[in-house]
Amino acid sequence: MTGPGWLADRTAIVTGSAAGIGRDIAQLFSDQGAQVVIADIDQPAALRAAAELEAAGRPALGLALDVTDEASVDQVVAATVERYGGLDVYVNNAGFTRDAVMRKMSPADFLAVIHVHLLGSWLGVRAASAAMRAGGRAGSIINMSSISGKVGNPGQTNYSTAKAGLIGLTKSAAKEVARYGIRVNAIQPGLIDTAMMAQVPPAVLAERIKDIPLGRFGAIRDVSQTALFLASDLSSYITGAVIEVTGGRHM
């Protein structure tokens, strides 16, 4: 997907964007003219990613971010507004997994995943929408859910619970902030060809691809392009929506 600078002169924060899907979203946003803030728990990696964008002549800022810490989230948003004069797009992408069947999962591992994915996204939505409202900007907030939040995955009661909760957060927040011209939407990726997928045995992948009507695994760019659509004016009349990027799996 290409366009004539669909995010020109806009400022975007992407959490968990030092690597993986978040990094590609930041890259695509930058390609489309945005000033991008790489916000990640791994500060050195965030600084390196931002430096790569700046080396290409694109404005970027790398910042340390702990999405579970209210002060950290507020500081990243405040630093972004101070540097670029406002905030237009916020992507809640940061996340991780601690998989185990319920009988082996500790409450600590359950809560750790809930805190990062759900509390972290709530803090992000709250801080970003406040900054957009204060700046009088019709912004876009994007929450990264997962198809596991729709159908559930064994061994992921924590992750599936968090990703399902993000849908409720998305719809509730969308209703609260629509009056200010702020849109809140969610993406539910399915099986995406990431480094994590490389760890799955080929026989397992062969079985899973049979469930995908389009007959292939998703590429990282499939998710990034969906985020670009939701961040841009192409989706200006869309809010509270959930877009499945799954190739038709679990439709």
C-alpha atoms as a PDB file:
ATOM      1  CA  MET A   1       0.000   0.000   0.000  1.00  0.00           C
ATOM      2  CA  THR A   2       1.362   3.389  -0.960  1.00  0.00           C
ATOM      3  CA  GLY A   3       0.009   6.888  -0.959  1.00  0.00           C
ATOM      4  CA  PRO A   4       0.974  10.535  -1.347  1.00  0.00           C
ATOM      5  CA  GLY A   5       2.053  11.045   2.253  1.00  0.00           C
ATOM      6  CA  TRP A   6      -1.131   9.918   3.967  1.00  0.00           C
ATOM      7  CA  LEU A   7       0.297  10.928   7.358  1.00  0.00           C
ATOM      8  CA  ALA A   8       2.172  14.043   6.237  1.00  0.00           C
ATOM      9  CA  ASP A   9       2.813  16.540   9.061  1.00  0.00           C
ATOM     10  CA  ARG A  10       1.269  14.222  11.660  1.00  0.00           C
ATOM     11  CA  THR A  11       2.848  12.897  14.808  1.00  0.00           C
ATOM     12  CA  ALA A  12       2.520   9.258  15.834  1.00  0.00           C
ATOM     13  CA  ILE A  13       3.563   7.293  18.914  1.00  0.00           C
ATOM     14  CA  VAL A  14       3.917   3.534  18.439  1.00  0.00           C
ATOM     15  CA  THR A  15       4.492   1.510  21.602  1.00  0.00           C
ATOM     16  CA  GLY A  16       6.661  -1.585  21.548  1.00  0.00           C
ATOM     17  CA  SER A  17       8.097  -0.363  18.252  1.00  0.00           C
ATOM     18  CA  ALA A  18      11.816  -1.094  18.575  1.00  0.00           C
ATOM     19  CA  ALA A  19      11.284  -4.406  16.746  1.00  0.00           C
ATOM     20  CA  GLY A  20       8.729  -6.684  15.079  1.00  0.00           C
ATOM     21  CA  ILE A  21       5.299  -5.501  13.992  1.00  0.00           C
ATOM     22  CA  GLY A  22       5.615  -2.259  15.938  1.00  0.00           C
ATOM     23  CA  ARG A  23       8.869  -1.410  14.174  1.00  0.00           C
ATOM     24  CA  ASP A  24       7.280  -2.001  10.774  1.00  0.00           C
ATOM     25  CA  ILE A  25       4.289   0.162  11.674  1.00  0.00           C
ATOM     26  CA  ALA A  26       6.648   2.954  12.683  1.00  0.00           C
ATOM     27  CA  GLN A  27       8.591   2.535   9.439  1.00  0.00           C
ATOM     28  CA  LEU A  28       5.456   2.651   7.290  1.00  0.00           C
ATOM     29  CA  PHE A  29       4.098   5.677   9.153  1.00  0.00           C
ATOM     30  CA  SER A  30       7.439   7.399   8.603  1.00  0.00           C
ATOM     31  CA  ASP A  31       7.368   6.484   4.910  1.00  0.00           C
ATOM     32  CA  GLN A  32       3.975   8.178   4.733  1.00  0.00           C
ATOM     33  CA  GLY A  33       5.255  11.445   6.193  1.00  0.00           C
ATOM     34  CA  ALA A  34       4.669  11.075   9.937  1.00  0.00           C
ATOM     35  CA  GLN A  35       6.959  12.229  12.698  1.00  0.00           C
ATOM     36  CA  VAL A  36       7.334   8.983  14.619  1.00  0.00           C
ATOM     37  CA  VAL A  37       8.077   8.299  18.265  1.00  0.00           C
ATOM     38  CA  ILE A  38       9.618   4.880  18.869  1.00  0.00           C
ATOM     39  CA  ALA A  39       8.505   4.064  22.427  1.00  0.00           C
ATOM     40  CA  ASP A  40       9.766   0.820  23.925  1.00  0.00           C
ATOM     41  CA  ILE A  41      10.765  -0.798  27.224  1.00  0.00           C
ATOM     42  CA  ASP A  42      14.149  -1.431  25.581  1.00  0.00           C
ATOM     43  CA  GLN A  43      15.497   2.118  25.463  1.00  0.00           C
ATOM     44  CA  PRO A  44      18.743   1.343  23.581  1.00  0.00           C
ATOM     45  CA  ALA A  45      16.775  -0.467  20.876  1.00  0.00           C
ATOM     46  CA  ALA A  46      14.296   2.422  20.676  1.00  0.00           C
ATOM     47  CA  LEU A  47      17.151   4.899  20.248  1.00  0.00           C
ATOM     48  CA  ARG A  48      18.721   2.761  17.506  1.00  0.00           C
ATOM     49  CA  ALA A  49      15.436   2.435  15.628  1.00  0.00           C
ATOM     50  CA  ALA A  50      14.828   6.184  15.804  1.00  0.00           C
ATOM     51  CA  ALA A  51      18.399   6.881  14.680  1.00  0.00           C
ATOM     52  CA  GLU A  52      17.836   4.701  11.602  1.00  0.00           C
ATOM     53  CA  LEU A  53      14.824   6.775  10.608  1.00  0.00           C
ATOM     54  CA  GLU A  54      16.660  10.036  11.235  1.00  0.00           C
ATOM     55  CA  ALA A  55      19.616   8.815   9.168  1.00  0.00           C
ATOM     56  CA  ALA A  56      17.175   8.541   6.277  1.00  0.00           C
ATOM     57  CA  GLY A  57      16.212  12.176   6.783  1.00  0.00           C
ATOM     58  CA  ARG A  58      12.980  11.516   8.668  1.00  0.00           C
ATOM     59  CA  PRO A  59      12.066  13.060  12.028  1.00  0.00           C
ATOM     60  CA  ALA A  60      11.967  10.447  14.776  1.00  0.00           C
ATOM     61  CA  LEU A  61      12.347  10.243  18.526  1.00  0.00           C
ATOM     62  CA  GLY A  62      13.300   7.204  20.612  1.00  0.00           C
ATOM     63  CA  LEU A  63      11.965   7.053  24.161  1.00  0.00           C
ATOM     64  CA  ALA A  64      11.913   4.536  26.994  1.00  0.00           C
ATOM     65  CA  LEU A  65       8.383   3.440  27.880  1.00  0.00           C
ATOM     66  CA  ASP A  66       6.919   1.124  30.483  1.00  0.00           C
ATOM     67  CA  VAL A  67       3.288   0.904  29.420  1.00  0.00           C
ATOM     68  CA  THR A  68       2.241  -0.387  32.841  1.00  0.00           C
ATOM     69  CA  ASP A  69       3.537   2.757  34.560  1.00  0.00           C
ATOM     70  CA  GLU A  70       1.184   5.745  34.461  1.00  0.00           C
ATOM     71  CA  ALA A  71       3.990   8.283  34.871  1.00  0.00           C
ATOM     72  CA  SER A  72       6.024   6.680  32.085  1.00  0.00           C
ATOM     73  CA  VAL A  73       3.095   6.802  29.656  1.00  0.00           C
ATOM     74  CA  ASP A  74       2.305  10.404  30.559  1.00  0.00           C
ATOM     75  CA  GLN A  75       5.956  11.399  30.166  1.00  0.00           C
ATOM     76  CA  VAL A  76       6.208   9.893  26.671  1.00  0.00           C
ATOM     77  CA  VAL A  77       3.061  11.701  25.551  1.00  0.00           C
ATOM     78  CA  ALA A  78       4.247  14.976  27.113  1.00  0.00           C
ATOM     79  CA  ALA A  79       7.709  14.670  25.526  1.00  0.00           C
ATOM     80  CA  THR A  80       6.102  14.016  22.151  1.00  0.00           C
ATOM     81  CA  VAL A  81       3.857  17.074  22.385  1.00  0.00           C
ATOM     82  CA  GLU A  82       6.804  19.196  23.517  1.00  0.00           C
ATOM     83  CA  ARG A  83       8.982  18.046  20.611  1.00  0.00           C
ATOM     84  CA  TYR A  84       6.425  18.073  17.797  1.00  0.00           C
ATOM     85  CA  GLY A  85       3.677  20.373  19.035  1.00  0.00           C
ATOM     86  CA  GLY A  86       0.920  17.805  19.322  1.00  0.00           C
ATOM     87  CA  LEU A  87      -0.199  14.214  18.887  1.00  0.00           C
ATOM     88  CA  ASP A  88      -2.278  12.770  16.048  1.00  0.00           C
ATOM     89  CA  VAL A  89      -1.871   8.973  16.212  1.00  0.00           C
ATOM     90  CA  TYR A  90      -1.240   6.555  19.081  1.00  0.00           C
ATOM     91  CA  VAL A  91      -0.756   2.832  18.515  1.00  0.00           C
ATOM     92  CA  ASN A  92      -1.008   0.491  21.509  1.00  0.00           C
ATOM     93  CA  ASN A  93       1.222  -2.277  20.179  1.00  0.00           C
ATOM     94  CA  ALA A  94       3.433  -3.256  23.144  1.00  0.00           C
ATOM     95  CA  GLY A  95       2.919  -6.792  24.357  1.00  0.00           C
ATOM     96  CA  PHE A  96       4.391 -10.162  25.263  1.00  0.00           C
ATOM     97  CA  THR A  97       3.275 -13.671  26.205  1.00  0.00           C
ATOM     98  CA  ARG A  98       3.703 -15.990  29.176  1.00  0.00           C
ATOM     99  CA  ASP A  99       1.965 -19.122  27.981  1.00  0.00           C
ATOM    100  CA  ALA A 100       0.969 -22.057  30.161  1.00  0.00           C
ATOM    101  CA  VAL A 101      -2.112 -24.150  30.769  1.00  0.00           C
ATOM    102  CA  MET A 102      -4.241 -22.826  33.624  1.00  0.00           C
ATOM    103  CA  ARG A 103      -3.160 -25.417  36.166  1.00  0.00           C
ATOM    104  CA  LYS A 104       0.461 -24.401  35.630  1.00  0.00           C
ATOM    105  CA  MET A 105      -0.006 -20.670  35.174  1.00  0.00           C
ATOM    106  CA  SER A 106       0.770 -18.533  38.200  1.00  0.00           C
ATOM    107  CA  PRO A 107      -1.367 -15.540  39.146  1.00  0.00           C
ATOM    108  CA  ALA A 108       1.754 -13.425  38.641  1.00  0.00           C
ATOM    109  CA  ASP A 109       2.057 -14.541  35.016  1.00  0.00           C
ATOM    110  CA  PHE A 110      -1.649 -14.000  34.449  1.00  0.00           C
ATOM    111  CA  LEU A 111      -1.507 -10.465  35.822  1.00  0.00           C
ATOM    112  CA  ALA A 112       1.746  -9.571  34.067  1.00  0.00           C
ATOM    113  CA  VAL A 113       0.141 -10.144  30.662  1.00  0.00           C
ATOM    114  CA  ILE A 114      -3.073  -8.363  31.697  1.00  0.00           C
ATOM    115  CA  HIS A 115      -1.085  -5.366  32.942  1.00  0.00           C
ATOM    116  CA  VAL A 116       0.970  -4.948  29.764  1.00  0.00           C
ATOM    117  CA  HIS A 117      -1.776  -5.539  27.198  1.00  0.00           C
ATOM    118  CA  LEU A 118      -4.866  -4.235  28.946  1.00  0.00           C
ATOM    119  CA  LEU A 119      -3.806  -1.767  31.636  1.00  0.00           C
ATOM    120  CA  GLY A 120      -1.022  -0.512  29.371  1.00  0.00           C
ATOM    121  CA  SER A 121      -3.444   0.121  26.531  1.00  0.00           C
ATOM    122  CA  TRP A 122      -5.943   1.824  28.837  1.00  0.00           C
ATOM    123  CA  LEU A 123      -3.234   4.163  30.098  1.00  0.00           C
ATOM    124  CA  GLY A 124      -2.236   4.865  26.507  1.00  0.00           C
ATOM    125  CA  VAL A 125      -5.780   5.579  25.356  1.00  0.00           C
ATOM    126  CA  ARG A 126      -6.340   7.869  28.317  1.00  0.00           C
ATOM    127  CA  ALA A 127      -3.118   9.865  27.920  1.00  0.00           C
ATOM    128  CA  ALA A 128      -3.277  10.061  24.121  1.00  0.00           C
ATOM    129  CA  SER A 129      -6.914  11.143  23.976  1.00  0.00           C
ATOM    130  CA  ALA A 130      -6.265  13.819  26.620  1.00  0.00           C
ATOM    131  CA  ALA A 131      -3.371  15.220  24.561  1.00  0.00           C
ATOM    132  CA  MET A 132      -5.383  15.127  21.339  1.00  0.00           C
ATOM    133  CA  ARG A 133      -8.311  16.847  23.007  1.00  0.00           C
ATOM    134  CA  ALA A 134      -6.088  19.524  24.540  1.00  0.00           C
ATOM    135  CA  GLY A 135      -4.481  20.172  21.171  1.00  0.00           C
ATOM    136  CA  GLY A 136      -7.787  20.281  19.340  1.00  0.00           C
ATOM    137  CA  ARG A 137      -6.708  17.476  17.034  1.00  0.00           C
ATOM    138  CA  ALA A 138      -8.988  14.859  15.478  1.00  0.00           C
ATOM    139  CA  GLY A 139      -6.707  11.959  16.311  1.00  0.00           C
ATOM    140  CA  SER A 140      -6.672   8.216  15.792  1.00  0.00           C
ATOM    141  CA  ILE A 141      -5.937   5.624  18.487  1.00  0.00           C
ATOM    142  CA  ILE A 142      -5.282   2.036  17.433  1.00  0.00           C
ATOM    143  CA  ASN A 143      -5.341  -0.920  19.829  1.00  0.00           C
ATOM    144  CA  MET A 144      -3.573  -4.128  18.825  1.00  0.00           C
ATOM    145  CA  SER A 145      -5.821  -6.995  19.821  1.00  0.00           C
ATOM    146  CA  SER A 146      -5.539 -10.547  18.438  1.00  0.00           C
ATOM    147  CA  ILE A 147      -7.809 -13.143  16.911  1.00  0.00           C
ATOM    148  CA  SER A 148      -7.145 -15.112  20.108  1.00  0.00           C
ATOM    149  CA  GLY A 149      -9.276 -12.493  21.838  1.00  0.00           C
ATOM    150  CA  LYS A 150     -12.182 -13.646  19.664  1.00  0.00           C
ATOM    151  CA  VAL A 151     -11.765 -17.426  19.716  1.00  0.00           C
ATOM    152  CA  GLY A 152      -9.401 -18.119  22.646  1.00  0.00           C
ATOM    153  CA  ASN A 153      -6.220 -20.176  22.559  1.00  0.00           C
ATOM    154  CA  PRO A 154      -5.398 -23.061  24.905  1.00  0.00           C
ATOM    155  CA  GLY A 155      -2.424 -22.190  27.055  1.00  0.00           C
ATOM    156  CA  GLN A 156      -3.174 -18.489  26.705  1.00  0.00           C
ATOM    157  CA  THR A 157      -5.950 -17.722  29.173  1.00  0.00           C
ATOM    158  CA  ASN A 158      -4.026 -14.582  30.187  1.00  0.00           C
ATOM    159  CA  TYR A 159      -3.299 -13.386  26.638  1.00  0.00           C
ATOM    160  CA  SER A 160      -6.739 -14.240  25.223  1.00  0.00           C
ATOM    161  CA  THR A 161      -8.424 -12.536  28.171  1.00  0.00           C
ATOM    162  CA  ALA A 162      -6.352  -9.385  27.683  1.00  0.00           C
ATOM    163  CA  LYS A 163      -6.920  -9.277  23.934  1.00  0.00           C
ATOM    164  CA  ALA A 164     -10.669  -9.769  24.377  1.00  0.00           C
ATOM    165  CA  GLY A 165     -10.707  -6.992  26.954  1.00  0.00           C
ATOM    166  CA  LEU A 166      -9.112  -4.661  24.433  1.00  0.00           C
ATOM    167  CA  ILE A 167     -12.238  -4.883  22.299  1.00  0.00           C
ATOM    168  CA  GLY A 168     -14.391  -3.628  25.156  1.00  0.00           C
ATOM    169  CA  LEU A 169     -11.873  -0.870  25.845  1.00  0.00           C
ATOM    170  CA  THR A 170     -11.863   0.124  22.182  1.00  0.00           C
ATOM    171  CA  LYS A 171     -15.638   0.386  21.878  1.00  0.00           C
ATOM    172  CA  SER A 172     -16.147   2.111  25.218  1.00  0.00           C
ATOM    173  CA  ALA A 173     -13.390   4.643  24.647  1.00  0.00           C
ATOM    174  CA  ALA A 174     -14.583   5.287  21.094  1.00  0.00           C
ATOM    175  CA  LYS A 175     -17.972   6.341  22.444  1.00  0.00           C
ATOM    176  CA  GLU A 176     -16.394   8.616  25.062  1.00  0.00           C
ATOM    177  CA  VAL A 177     -14.057  10.552  22.787  1.00  0.00           C
ATOM    178  CA  ALA A 178     -15.961  10.652  19.488  1.00  0.00           C
ATOM    179  CA  ARG A 179     -17.372  14.080  20.383  1.00  0.00           C
ATOM    180  CA  TYR A 180     -13.831  15.460  20.164  1.00  0.00           C
ATOM    181  CA  GLY A 181     -13.221  13.972  16.720  1.00  0.00           C
ATOM    182  CA  ILE A 182     -10.981  11.252  18.160  1.00  0.00           C
ATOM    183  CA  ARG A 183     -11.376   7.755  16.722  1.00  0.00           C
ATOM    184  CA  VAL A 184     -10.504   4.506  18.517  1.00  0.00           C
ATOM    185  CA  ASN A 185     -10.268   1.232  16.597  1.00  0.00           C
ATOM    186  CA  ALA A 186      -8.699  -2.198  17.025  1.00  0.00           C
ATOM    187  CA  ILE A 187      -6.829  -4.690  14.865  1.00  0.00           C
ATOM    188  CA  GLN A 188      -7.043  -8.454  15.393  1.00  0.00           C
ATOM    189  CA  PRO A 189      -4.113 -10.157  13.611  1.00  0.00           C
ATOM    190  CA  GLY A 190      -4.216 -13.865  12.986  1.00  0.00           C
ATOM    191  CA  LEU A 191      -1.234 -16.055  12.103  1.00  0.00           C
ATOM    192  CA  ILE A 192       1.453 -13.589  11.065  1.00  0.00           C
ATOM    193  CA  ASP A 193       4.854 -14.616   9.723  1.00  0.00           C
ATOM    194  CA  THR A 194       7.052 -13.264  12.514  1.00  0.00           C
ATOM    195  CA  ALA A 195      10.206 -14.568  14.160  1.00  0.00           C
ATOM    196  CA  MET A 196       8.005 -16.342  16.694  1.00  0.00           C
ATOM    197  CA  MET A 197       6.397 -18.409  13.943  1.00  0.00           C
ATOM    198  CA  ALA A 198       9.818 -19.744  12.969  1.00  0.00           C
ATOM    199  CA  GLN A 199       9.802 -21.695  16.235  1.00  0.00           C
ATOM    200  CA  VAL A 200       6.648 -23.630  15.275  1.00  0.00           C
ATOM    201  CA  PRO A 201       7.244 -27.115  13.763  1.00  0.00           C
ATOM    202  CA  PRO A 202       6.538 -27.277   9.991  1.00  0.00           C
ATOM    203  CA  ALA A 203       3.964 -30.041  10.470  1.00  0.00           C
ATOM    204  CA  VAL A 204       1.970 -27.789  12.829  1.00  0.00           C
ATOM    205  CA  LEU A 205       2.131 -24.880  10.391  1.00  0.00           C
ATOM    206  CA  ALA A 206       0.945 -27.131   7.568  1.00  0.00           C
ATOM    207  CA  GLU A 207      -2.138 -28.025   9.585  1.00  0.00           C
ATOM    208  CA  ARG A 208      -2.885 -24.448  10.561  1.00  0.00           C
ATOM    209  CA  ILE A 209      -2.677 -23.063   7.047  1.00  0.00           C
ATOM    210  CA  LYS A 210      -5.502 -25.398   6.038  1.00  0.00           C
ATOM    211  CA  ASP A 211      -7.802 -23.224   8.181  1.00  0.00           C
ATOM    212  CA  ILE A 212      -6.928 -20.032   6.299  1.00  0.00           C
ATOM    213  CA  PRO A 213      -9.221 -19.423   3.302  1.00  0.00           C
ATOM    214  CA  LEU A 214      -6.664 -17.170   1.562  1.00  0.00           C
ATOM    215  CA  GLY A 215      -4.152 -20.016   1.793  1.00  0.00           C
ATOM    216  CA  ARG A 216      -1.199 -18.179   3.310  1.00  0.00           C
ATOM    217  CA  PHE A 217       0.104 -16.788   6.560  1.00  0.00           C
ATOM    218  CA  GLY A 218      -0.058 -13.043   7.020  1.00  0.00           C
ATOM    219  CA  ALA A 219       2.960 -10.815   6.512  1.00  0.00           C
ATOM    220  CA  ILE A 220       3.944  -8.174   9.034  1.00  0.00           C
ATOM    221  CA  ARG A 221       3.202  -5.538   6.402  1.00  0.00           C
ATOM    222  CA  ASP A 222      -0.413  -6.786   6.211  1.00  0.00           C
ATOM    223  CA  VAL A 223      -0.854  -5.610   9.803  1.00  0.00           C
ATOM    224  CA  SER A 224       1.099  -2.387   9.289  1.00  0.00           C
ATOM    225  CA  GLN A 225      -0.974  -1.401   6.277  1.00  0.00           C
ATOM    226  CA  THR A 226      -4.152  -1.895   8.285  1.00  0.00           C
ATOM    227  CA  ALA A 227      -2.732   0.380  10.981  1.00  0.00           C
ATOM    228  CA  LEU A 228      -1.906   2.974   8.306  1.00  0.00           C
ATOM    229  CA  PHE A 229      -5.477   2.833   7.025  1.00  0.00           C
ATOM    230  CA  LEU A 230      -6.861   3.389  10.526  1.00  0.00           C
ATOM    231  CA  ALA A 231      -4.368   6.176  11.233  1.00  0.00           C
ATOM    232  CA  SER A 232      -5.157   8.057   8.021  1.00  0.00           C
ATOM    233  CA  ASP A 233      -8.120  10.051   6.773  1.00  0.00           C
ATOM    234  CA  LEU A 234      -9.111   7.065   4.629  1.00  0.00           C
ATOM    235  CA  SER A 235     -10.886   5.765   7.747  1.00  0.00           C
ATOM    236  CA  SER A 236     -12.243   9.128   8.945  1.00  0.00           C
ATOM    237  CA  TYR A 237     -15.766   7.730   9.407  1.00  0.00           C
ATOM    238  CA  ILE A 238     -14.682   4.562  11.212  1.00  0.00           C
ATOM    239  CA  THR A 239     -14.545   4.306  14.994  1.00  0.00           C
ATOM    240  CA  GLY A 240     -15.170   1.538  17.514  1.00  0.00           C
ATOM    241  CA  ALA A 241     -14.408  -1.000  14.789  1.00  0.00           C
ATOM    242  CA  VAL A 242     -12.436  -4.241  14.951  1.00  0.00           C
ATOM    243  CA  ILE A 243     -10.598  -5.275  11.787  1.00  0.00           C
ATOM    244  CA  GLU A 244      -9.527  -8.915  11.530  1.00  0.00           C
ATOM    245  CA  VAL A 245      -6.274  -9.423   9.616  1.00  0.00           C
ATOM    246  CA  THR A 246      -6.486 -13.199   9.423  1.00  0.00           C
ATOM    247  CA  GLY A 247      -6.851 -14.267   5.791  1.00  0.00           C
ATOM    248  CA  GLY A 248     -10.388 -15.307   6.684  1.00  0.00           C
ATOM    249  CA  ARG A 249      -9.439 -17.674   9.509  1.00  0.00           C
ATOM    250  CA  HIS A 250     -12.140 -17.751  12.195  1.00  0.00           C
ATOM    251  CA  MET A 251     -14.409 -15.474  10.146  1.00  0.00           C
END
